[in-house]
C-alpha atoms as a PDB file:
ATOM      1  CA  UNK A   1     -16.494   0.213 -17.079  1.00  0.00           C
ATOM      2  CA  UNK A   2     -19.003  -2.448 -18.083  1.00  0.00           C
ATOM      3  CA  UNK A   3     -22.427  -1.390 -19.335  1.00  0.00           C
ATOM      4  CA  UNK A   4     -24.117  -4.232 -17.434  1.00  0.00           C
ATOM      5  CA  UNK A   5     -25.653  -3.419 -14.070  1.00  0.00           C
ATOM      6  CA  UNK A   6     -24.275  -5.020 -10.905  1.00  0.00           C
ATOM      7  CA  UNK A   7     -27.130  -7.512 -10.751  1.00  0.00           C
ATOM      8  CA  UNK A   8     -26.488  -8.903 -14.214  1.00  0.00           C
ATOM      9  CA  UNK A   9     -22.731  -8.936 -13.661  1.00  0.00           C
ATOM     10  CA  UNK A  10     -23.068 -10.874 -10.399  1.00  0.00           C
ATOM     11  CA  UNK A  11     -25.494 -13.355 -11.939  1.00  0.00           C
ATOM     12  CA  UNK A  12     -23.021 -14.025 -14.763  1.00  0.00           C
ATOM     13  CA  UNK A  13     -20.163 -14.415 -12.261  1.00  0.00           C
ATOM     14  CA  UNK A  14     -22.095 -16.977 -10.215  1.00  0.00           C
ATOM     15  CA  UNK A  15     -22.994 -18.805 -13.443  1.00  0.00           C
ATOM     16  CA  UNK A  16     -19.347 -18.922 -14.575  1.00  0.00           C
ATOM     17  CA  UNK A  17     -18.175 -20.233 -11.191  1.00  0.00           C
ATOM     18  CA  UNK A  18     -20.856 -22.924 -11.294  1.00  0.00           C
ATOM     19  CA  UNK A  19     -19.740 -23.965 -14.792  1.00  0.00           C
ATOM     20  CA  UNK A  20     -16.092 -24.051 -13.711  1.00  0.00           C
ATOM     21  CA  UNK A  21     -16.987 -26.273 -10.768  1.00  0.00           C
ATOM     22  CA  UNK A  22     -18.713 -28.700 -13.164  1.00  0.00           C
ATOM     23  CA  UNK A  23     -16.285 -28.679 -16.089  1.00  0.00           C
ATOM     24  CA  UNK A  24     -12.826 -27.590 -14.850  1.00  0.00           C
ATOM     25  CA  UNK A  25     -10.983 -30.409 -13.007  1.00  0.00           C
ATOM     26  CA  UNK A  26      -8.790 -27.967 -11.050  1.00  0.00           C
ATOM     27  CA  UNK A  27     -11.727 -25.862  -9.823  1.00  0.00           C
ATOM     28  CA  UNK A  28     -13.808 -28.961  -9.170  1.00  0.00           C
ATOM     29  CA  UNK A  29     -11.129 -30.298  -6.814  1.00  0.00           C
ATOM     30  CA  UNK A  30     -11.254 -27.220  -4.579  1.00  0.00           C
ATOM     31  CA  UNK A  31     -12.843 -27.323  -1.141  1.00  0.00           C
ATOM     32  CA  UNK A  32     -13.096 -24.892   1.780  1.00  0.00           C
ATOM     33  CA  UNK A  33      -9.809 -26.053   3.313  1.00  0.00           C
ATOM     34  CA  UNK A  34      -7.766 -25.866   0.103  1.00  0.00           C
ATOM     35  CA  UNK A  35      -9.133 -22.389  -0.623  1.00  0.00           C
ATOM     36  CA  UNK A  36      -7.965 -20.907   2.691  1.00  0.00           C
ATOM     37  CA  UNK A  37      -4.419 -20.181   1.559  1.00  0.00           C
ATOM     38  CA  UNK A  38      -5.746 -18.366  -1.506  1.00  0.00           C
ATOM     39  CA  UNK A  39      -8.198 -16.369   0.594  1.00  0.00           C
ATOM     40  CA  UNK A  40      -5.415 -15.124   2.879  1.00  0.00           C
ATOM     41  CA  UNK A  41      -3.100 -14.344  -0.044  1.00  0.00           C
ATOM     42  CA  UNK A  42      -5.765 -12.523  -2.057  1.00  0.00           C
ATOM     43  CA  UNK A  43      -6.846 -10.514   0.986  1.00  0.00           C
ATOM     44  CA  UNK A  44      -3.312  -9.269   1.594  1.00  0.00           C
ATOM     45  CA  UNK A  45      -2.931  -8.387  -2.082  1.00  0.00           C
ATOM     46  CA  UNK A  46      -6.180  -6.406  -1.904  1.00  0.00           C
ATOM     47  CA  UNK A  47      -4.942  -4.660   1.250  1.00  0.00           C
ATOM     48  CA  UNK A  48      -1.801  -3.608  -0.608  1.00  0.00           C
ATOM     49  CA  UNK A  49      -3.756  -2.365  -3.630  1.00  0.00           C
ATOM     50  CA  UNK A  50      -6.125  -0.323  -1.451  1.00  0.00           C
ATOM     51  CA  UNK A  51      -3.186   1.179   0.435  1.00  0.00           C
ATOM     52  CA  UNK A  52      -1.394   2.052  -2.821  1.00  0.00           C
ATOM     53  CA  UNK A  53      -4.447   3.979  -4.011  1.00  0.00           C
ATOM     54  CA  UNK A  54      -4.990   5.627  -0.616  1.00  0.00           C
ATOM     55  CA  UNK A  55      -1.377   6.838  -0.421  1.00  0.00           C
ATOM     56  CA  UNK A  56      -1.320   8.297  -3.917  1.00  0.00           C
ATOM     57  CA  UNK A  57      -2.200  11.985  -4.252  1.00  0.00           C
ATOM     58  CA  UNK A  58      -3.650  11.241  -7.674  1.00  0.00           C
ATOM     59  CA  UNK A  59      -3.949   7.473  -8.266  1.00  0.00           C
ATOM     60  CA  UNK A  60      -2.901   6.442 -11.758  1.00  0.00           C
ATOM     61  CA  UNK A  61      -5.122   4.338 -14.021  1.00  0.00           C
ATOM     62  CA  UNK A  62      -2.702   1.456 -13.437  1.00  0.00           C
ATOM     63  CA  UNK A  63      -3.213   1.650  -9.661  1.00  0.00           C
ATOM     64  CA  UNK A  64      -6.963   1.757 -10.074  1.00  0.00           C
ATOM     65  CA  UNK A  65      -6.853  -1.208 -12.459  1.00  0.00           C
ATOM     66  CA  UNK A  66      -4.813  -3.128  -9.894  1.00  0.00           C
ATOM     67  CA  UNK A  67      -7.376  -2.338  -7.206  1.00  0.00           C
ATOM     68  CA  UNK A  68     -10.239  -3.414  -9.461  1.00  0.00           C
ATOM     69  CA  UNK A  69      -8.485  -6.694 -10.214  1.00  0.00           C
ATOM     70  CA  UNK A  70      -7.732  -7.457  -6.559  1.00  0.00           C
ATOM     71  CA  UNK A  71     -11.333  -6.707  -5.566  1.00  0.00           C
ATOM     72  CA  UNK A  72     -12.390  -9.216  -8.192  1.00  0.00           C
ATOM     73  CA  UNK A  73      -9.997 -11.860  -6.862  1.00  0.00           C
ATOM     74  CA  UNK A  74     -11.432 -11.549  -3.351  1.00  0.00           C
ATOM     75  CA  UNK A  75     -14.986 -11.606  -4.726  1.00  0.00           C
ATOM     76  CA  UNK A  76     -14.094 -14.814  -6.581  1.00  0.00           C
ATOM     77  CA  UNK A  77     -13.147 -16.377  -3.242  1.00  0.00           C
ATOM     78  CA  UNK A  78     -16.491 -15.346  -1.719  1.00  0.00           C
ATOM     79  CA  UNK A  79     -18.476 -16.729  -4.653  1.00  0.00           C
ATOM     80  CA  UNK A  80     -16.489 -19.986  -4.605  1.00  0.00           C
ATOM     81  CA  UNK A  81     -17.120 -20.602  -0.900  1.00  0.00           C
ATOM     82  CA  UNK A  82     -20.819 -19.855  -1.377  1.00  0.00           C
ATOM     83  CA  UNK A  83     -20.927 -22.198  -4.383  1.00  0.00           C
ATOM     84  CA  UNK A  84     -19.431 -25.015  -2.305  1.00  0.00           C
ATOM     85  CA  UNK A  85     -22.244 -24.593   0.195  1.00  0.00           C
ATOM     86  CA  UNK A  86     -24.851 -24.413  -2.573  1.00  0.00           C
ATOM     87  CA  UNK A  87     -23.630 -27.753  -3.891  1.00  0.00           C
ATOM     88  CA  UNK A  88     -24.213 -29.228  -0.437  1.00  0.00           C
ATOM     89  CA  UNK A  89     -27.753 -27.850  -0.385  1.00  0.00           C
ATOM     90  CA  UNK A  90     -26.979 -25.391   2.413  1.00  0.00           C
ATOM     91  CA  UNK A  91     -27.001 -21.836   1.046  1.00  0.00           C
ATOM     92  CA  UNK A  92     -25.886 -19.940  -2.025  1.00  0.00           C
ATOM     93  CA  UNK A  93     -24.495 -16.558  -2.985  1.00  0.00           C
ATOM     94  CA  UNK A  94     -27.971 -14.990  -3.026  1.00  0.00           C
ATOM     95  CA  UNK A  95     -28.388 -15.998   0.615  1.00  0.00           C
ATOM     96  CA  UNK A  96     -25.021 -14.458   1.471  1.00  0.00           C
ATOM     97  CA  UNK A  97     -25.908 -11.181  -0.248  1.00  0.00           C
ATOM     98  CA  UNK A  98     -29.420 -11.169   1.216  1.00  0.00           C
ATOM     99  CA  UNK A  99     -28.137 -11.801   4.723  1.00  0.00           C
ATOM    100  CA  UNK A 100     -25.592  -9.013   4.425  1.00  0.00           C
ATOM    101  CA  UNK A 101     -28.221  -6.583   3.140  1.00  0.00           C
ATOM    102  CA  UNK A 102     -30.581  -7.424   5.999  1.00  0.00           C
ATOM    103  CA  UNK A 103     -27.773  -6.984   8.534  1.00  0.00           C
ATOM    104  CA  UNK A 104     -26.813  -3.577   7.138  1.00  0.00           C
ATOM    105  CA  UNK A 105     -30.430  -2.418   7.316  1.00  0.00           C
ATOM    106  CA  UNK A 106     -30.803  -3.790  10.851  1.00  0.00           C
ATOM    107  CA  UNK A 107     -27.589  -2.240  12.153  1.00  0.00           C
ATOM    108  CA  UNK A 108     -28.201   1.187  10.608  1.00  0.00           C
ATOM    109  CA  UNK A 109     -31.643   2.275  11.892  1.00  0.00           C
ATOM    110  CA  UNK A 110     -30.567   5.906  11.533  1.00  0.00           C
ATOM    111  CA  UNK A 111     -30.689   5.387   7.760  1.00  0.00           C
ATOM    112  CA  UNK A 112     -33.278   2.637   7.243  1.00  0.00           C
ATOM    113  CA  UNK A 113     -36.730   1.922   8.656  1.00  0.00           C
ATOM    114  CA  UNK A 114     -37.314  -1.690   9.813  1.00  0.00           C
ATOM    115  CA  UNK A 115     -38.884  -2.524   6.445  1.00  0.00           C
ATOM    116  CA  UNK A 116     -35.709  -1.409   4.642  1.00  0.00           C
ATOM    117  CA  UNK A 117     -37.095   1.844   3.283  1.00  0.00           C
ATOM    118  CA  UNK A 118     -35.030   5.020   3.510  1.00  0.00           C
ATOM    119  CA  UNK A 119     -35.806   7.349   6.388  1.00  0.00           C
ATOM    120  CA  UNK A 120     -36.783  10.940   5.689  1.00  0.00           C
ATOM    121  CA  UNK A 121     -34.003  12.466   7.812  1.00  0.00           C
ATOM    122  CA  UNK A 122     -30.688  11.331   9.305  1.00  0.00           C
ATOM    123  CA  UNK A 123     -30.108  13.169  12.605  1.00  0.00           C
ATOM    124  CA  UNK A 124     -27.875  10.612  14.370  1.00  0.00           C
ATOM    125  CA  UNK A 125     -24.366  11.555  15.488  1.00  0.00           C
ATOM    126  CA  UNK A 126     -21.346   9.344  14.849  1.00  0.00           C
ATOM    127  CA  UNK A 127     -21.208   8.344  18.550  1.00  0.00           C
ATOM    128  CA  UNK A 128     -24.893   7.366  18.470  1.00  0.00           C
ATOM    129  CA  UNK A 129     -24.365   5.375  15.288  1.00  0.00           C
ATOM    130  CA  UNK A 130     -21.475   3.396  16.822  1.00  0.00           C
ATOM    131  CA  UNK A 131     -23.448   2.768  20.028  1.00  0.00           C
ATOM    132  CA  UNK A 132     -26.460   1.512  18.074  1.00  0.00           C
ATOM    133  CA  UNK A 133     -24.302  -0.716  15.886  1.00  0.00           C
ATOM    134  CA  UNK A 134     -22.740  -2.349  18.949  1.00  0.00           C
ATOM    135  CA  UNK A 135     -26.120  -2.696  20.665  1.00  0.00           C
ATOM    136  CA  UNK A 136     -27.654  -4.463  17.664  1.00  0.00           C
ATOM    137  CA  UNK A 137     -24.622  -6.748  17.371  1.00  0.00           C
ATOM    138  CA  UNK A 138     -25.048  -7.742  21.012  1.00  0.00           C
ATOM    139  CA  UNK A 139     -28.740  -8.498  20.453  1.00  0.00           C
ATOM    140  CA  UNK A 140     -27.829 -10.659  17.459  1.00  0.00           C
ATOM    141  CA  UNK A 141     -25.319 -12.714  19.451  1.00  0.00           C
ATOM    142  CA  UNK A 142     -26.315 -12.667  23.130  1.00  0.00           C
ATOM    143  CA  UNK A 143     -23.997 -15.597  23.909  1.00  0.00           C
ATOM    144  CA  UNK A 144     -20.996 -13.317  23.491  1.00  0.00           C
ATOM    145  CA  UNK A 145     -20.267 -12.011  26.975  1.00  0.00           C
ATOM    146  CA  UNK A 146     -16.654 -10.867  26.580  1.00  0.00           C
ATOM    147  CA  UNK A 147     -15.728  -7.780  24.537  1.00  0.00           C
ATOM    148  CA  UNK A 148     -13.067  -9.957  22.908  1.00  0.00           C
ATOM    149  CA  UNK A 149     -15.495 -12.608  21.666  1.00  0.00           C
ATOM    150  CA  UNK A 150     -15.524 -12.870  17.896  1.00  0.00           C
ATOM    151  CA  UNK A 151     -12.008 -11.508  17.315  1.00  0.00           C
ATOM    152  CA  UNK A 152     -10.275 -14.037  15.027  1.00  0.00           C
ATOM    153  CA  UNK A 153      -7.365 -15.675  16.860  1.00  0.00           C
ATOM    154  CA  UNK A 154      -5.390 -16.036  13.621  1.00  0.00           C
ATOM    155  CA  UNK A 155      -5.122 -12.316  12.908  1.00  0.00           C
ATOM    156  CA  UNK A 156      -1.538 -11.074  12.591  1.00  0.00           C
ATOM    157  CA  UNK A 157      -0.322 -10.076  16.049  1.00  0.00           C
ATOM    158  CA  UNK A 158      -0.366  -6.334  15.424  1.00  0.00           C
ATOM    159  CA  UNK A 159      -3.904  -6.417  14.014  1.00  0.00           C
ATOM    160  CA  UNK A 160      -4.927  -8.676  16.906  1.00  0.00           C
ATOM    161  CA  UNK A 161      -3.489  -6.202  19.413  1.00  0.00           C
ATOM    162  CA  UNK A 162      -5.215  -3.220  17.800  1.00  0.00           C
ATOM    163  CA  UNK A 163      -8.577  -5.006  17.639  1.00  0.00           C
ATOM    164  CA  UNK A 164      -8.276  -6.166  21.244  1.00  0.00           C
ATOM    165  CA  UNK A 165      -7.455  -2.703  22.581  1.00  0.00           C
ATOM    166  CA  UNK A 166     -10.289  -1.120  20.605  1.00  0.00           C
ATOM    167  CA  UNK A 167     -12.742  -3.651  22.021  1.00  0.00           C
ATOM    168  CA  UNK A 168     -11.423  -2.870  25.507  1.00  0.00           C
ATOM    169  CA  UNK A 169     -12.034   0.843  24.887  1.00  0.00           C
ATOM    170  CA  UNK A 170      -8.452   1.854  25.598  1.00  0.00           C
ATOM    171  CA  UNK A 171      -7.717   4.122  22.594  1.00  0.00           C
ATOM    172  CA  UNK A 172     -10.796   6.242  23.365  1.00  0.00           C
ATOM    173  CA  UNK A 173      -9.583   6.888  26.914  1.00  0.00           C
ATOM    174  CA  UNK A 174      -5.937   7.493  26.063  1.00  0.00           C
ATOM    175  CA  UNK A 175      -5.295  11.039  24.867  1.00  0.00           C
ATOM    176  CA  UNK A 176      -1.569  10.971  25.562  1.00  0.00           C
ATOM    177  CA  UNK A 177       1.300  10.168  23.248  1.00  0.00           C
ATOM    178  CA  UNK A 178      -0.267  11.510  20.091  1.00  0.00           C
ATOM    179  CA  UNK A 179       2.010  10.934  17.126  1.00  0.00           C
ATOM    180  CA  UNK A 180       1.981  10.765  13.349  1.00  0.00           C
ATOM    181  CA  UNK A 181       1.683   7.602  11.287  1.00  0.00           C
ATOM    182  CA  UNK A 182       5.256   8.041  10.061  1.00  0.00           C
ATOM    183  CA  UNK A 183       6.638   8.448  13.588  1.00  0.00           C
ATOM    184  CA  UNK A 184       4.736   5.437  14.849  1.00  0.00           C
ATOM    185  CA  UNK A 185       5.943   3.369  11.908  1.00  0.00           C
ATOM    186  CA  UNK A 186       9.529   4.217  12.762  1.00  0.00           C
ATOM    187  CA  UNK A 187       8.915   3.308  16.422  1.00  0.00           C
ATOM    188  CA  UNK A 188       7.455  -0.058  15.417  1.00  0.00           C
ATOM    189  CA  UNK A 189      10.381  -0.679  13.075  1.00  0.00           C
ATOM    190  CA  UNK A 190      12.799   0.123  15.897  1.00  0.00           C
ATOM    191  CA  UNK A 191      10.983  -2.302  18.214  1.00  0.00           C
ATOM    192  CA  UNK A 192      11.199  -5.002  15.564  1.00  0.00           C
ATOM    193  CA  UNK A 193      14.920  -4.354  15.153  1.00  0.00           C
ATOM    194  CA  UNK A 194      15.322  -4.583  18.929  1.00  0.00           C
ATOM    195  CA  UNK A 195      13.466  -7.903  19.009  1.00  0.00           C
ATOM    196  CA  UNK A 196      15.579  -9.388  16.236  1.00  0.00           C
ATOM    197  CA  UNK A 197      18.784  -8.252  17.930  1.00  0.00           C
ATOM    198  CA  UNK A 198      17.632 -10.041  21.096  1.00  0.00           C
ATOM    199  CA  UNK A 199      16.757 -13.193  19.178  1.00  0.00           C
ATOM    200  CA  UNK A 200      13.040 -12.780  19.896  1.00  0.00           C
ATOM    201  CA  UNK A 201      10.234 -13.386  17.402  1.00  0.00           C
ATOM    202  CA  UNK A 202       8.302 -10.070  17.552  1.00  0.00           C
ATOM    203  CA  UNK A 203       5.128 -11.674  16.178  1.00  0.00           C
ATOM    204  CA  UNK A 204       5.054 -14.327  18.883  1.00  0.00           C
ATOM    205  CA  UNK A 205       6.019 -11.883  21.630  1.00  0.00           C
ATOM    206  CA  UNK A 206       3.190  -9.494  20.812  1.00  0.00           C
ATOM    207  CA  UNK A 207       0.653 -12.296  20.370  1.00  0.00           C
ATOM    208  CA  UNK A 208       1.497 -13.707  23.799  1.00  0.00           C
ATOM    209  CA  UNK A 209       1.246 -10.256  25.352  1.00  0.00           C
ATOM    210  CA  UNK A 210      -2.212  -9.770  23.815  1.00  0.00           C
ATOM    211  CA  UNK A 211      -3.444 -13.145  25.094  1.00  0.00           C
ATOM    212  CA  UNK A 212      -2.145 -12.361  28.577  1.00  0.00           C
ATOM    213  CA  UNK A 213      -3.887  -8.976  28.421  1.00  0.00           C
ATOM    214  CA  UNK A 214      -7.177 -10.698  27.540  1.00  0.00           C
ATOM    215  CA  UNK A 215      -6.822 -13.116  30.440  1.00  0.00           C
ATOM    216  CA  UNK A 216      -6.339 -10.205  32.832  1.00  0.00           C
ATOM    217  CA  UNK A 217      -9.341  -8.356  31.426  1.00  0.00           C
ATOM    218  CA  UNK A 218     -12.718 -10.087  31.758  1.00  0.00           C
ATOM    219  CA  UNK A 219     -11.326 -13.516  31.020  1.00  0.00           C
ATOM    220  CA  UNK A 220     -11.074 -12.982  27.295  1.00  0.00           C
ATOM    221  CA  UNK A 221      -8.387 -15.545  26.583  1.00  0.00           C
ATOM    222  CA  UNK A 222      -8.999 -18.440  24.169  1.00  0.00           C
END
């Protein structure tokens, strides 16, 4: 681990990215659009590294090093996108970090007072915390009237389906069909095999089913 604190390390990272943008032709040619493919790729690689560590009973140093590296690659994407905006005179990485900090304080009043100081006690239950979080989110974006507003349309179909059903409140009201992760994985694999045997794209089939579900429920279609 580095001896430098997180503040100094982040300042140096932002400085290095700025220098690369000014002196490296490849980095200088990047823009938001050209970075998107890297953002998606790096995010999936981070997902895999996190899952590898989570599944290991005792993660090896190699697994932890892989996770550290993938976290860095995703952070690089964040800093790059912020740097592009800084060059346009819009906002920079400090604004991104400051906005996130303010949002975390605002959405967690069971931990923080409005001025950001730590509260003396933390009596809230998990249900109360979730309810407060959702209430504050709604106050922040009153224009969102559908529970499906804000769900990215380009999520993979299975993630899109899970996010949609959670927003609709269905998992909380469905106590039947409890199963293990392994059993469910096998069921999903069997469904995929069934789709392929029928000549059906399972990704497209599920995505269309989710969009139809949204249209039937509070007009949440795109």
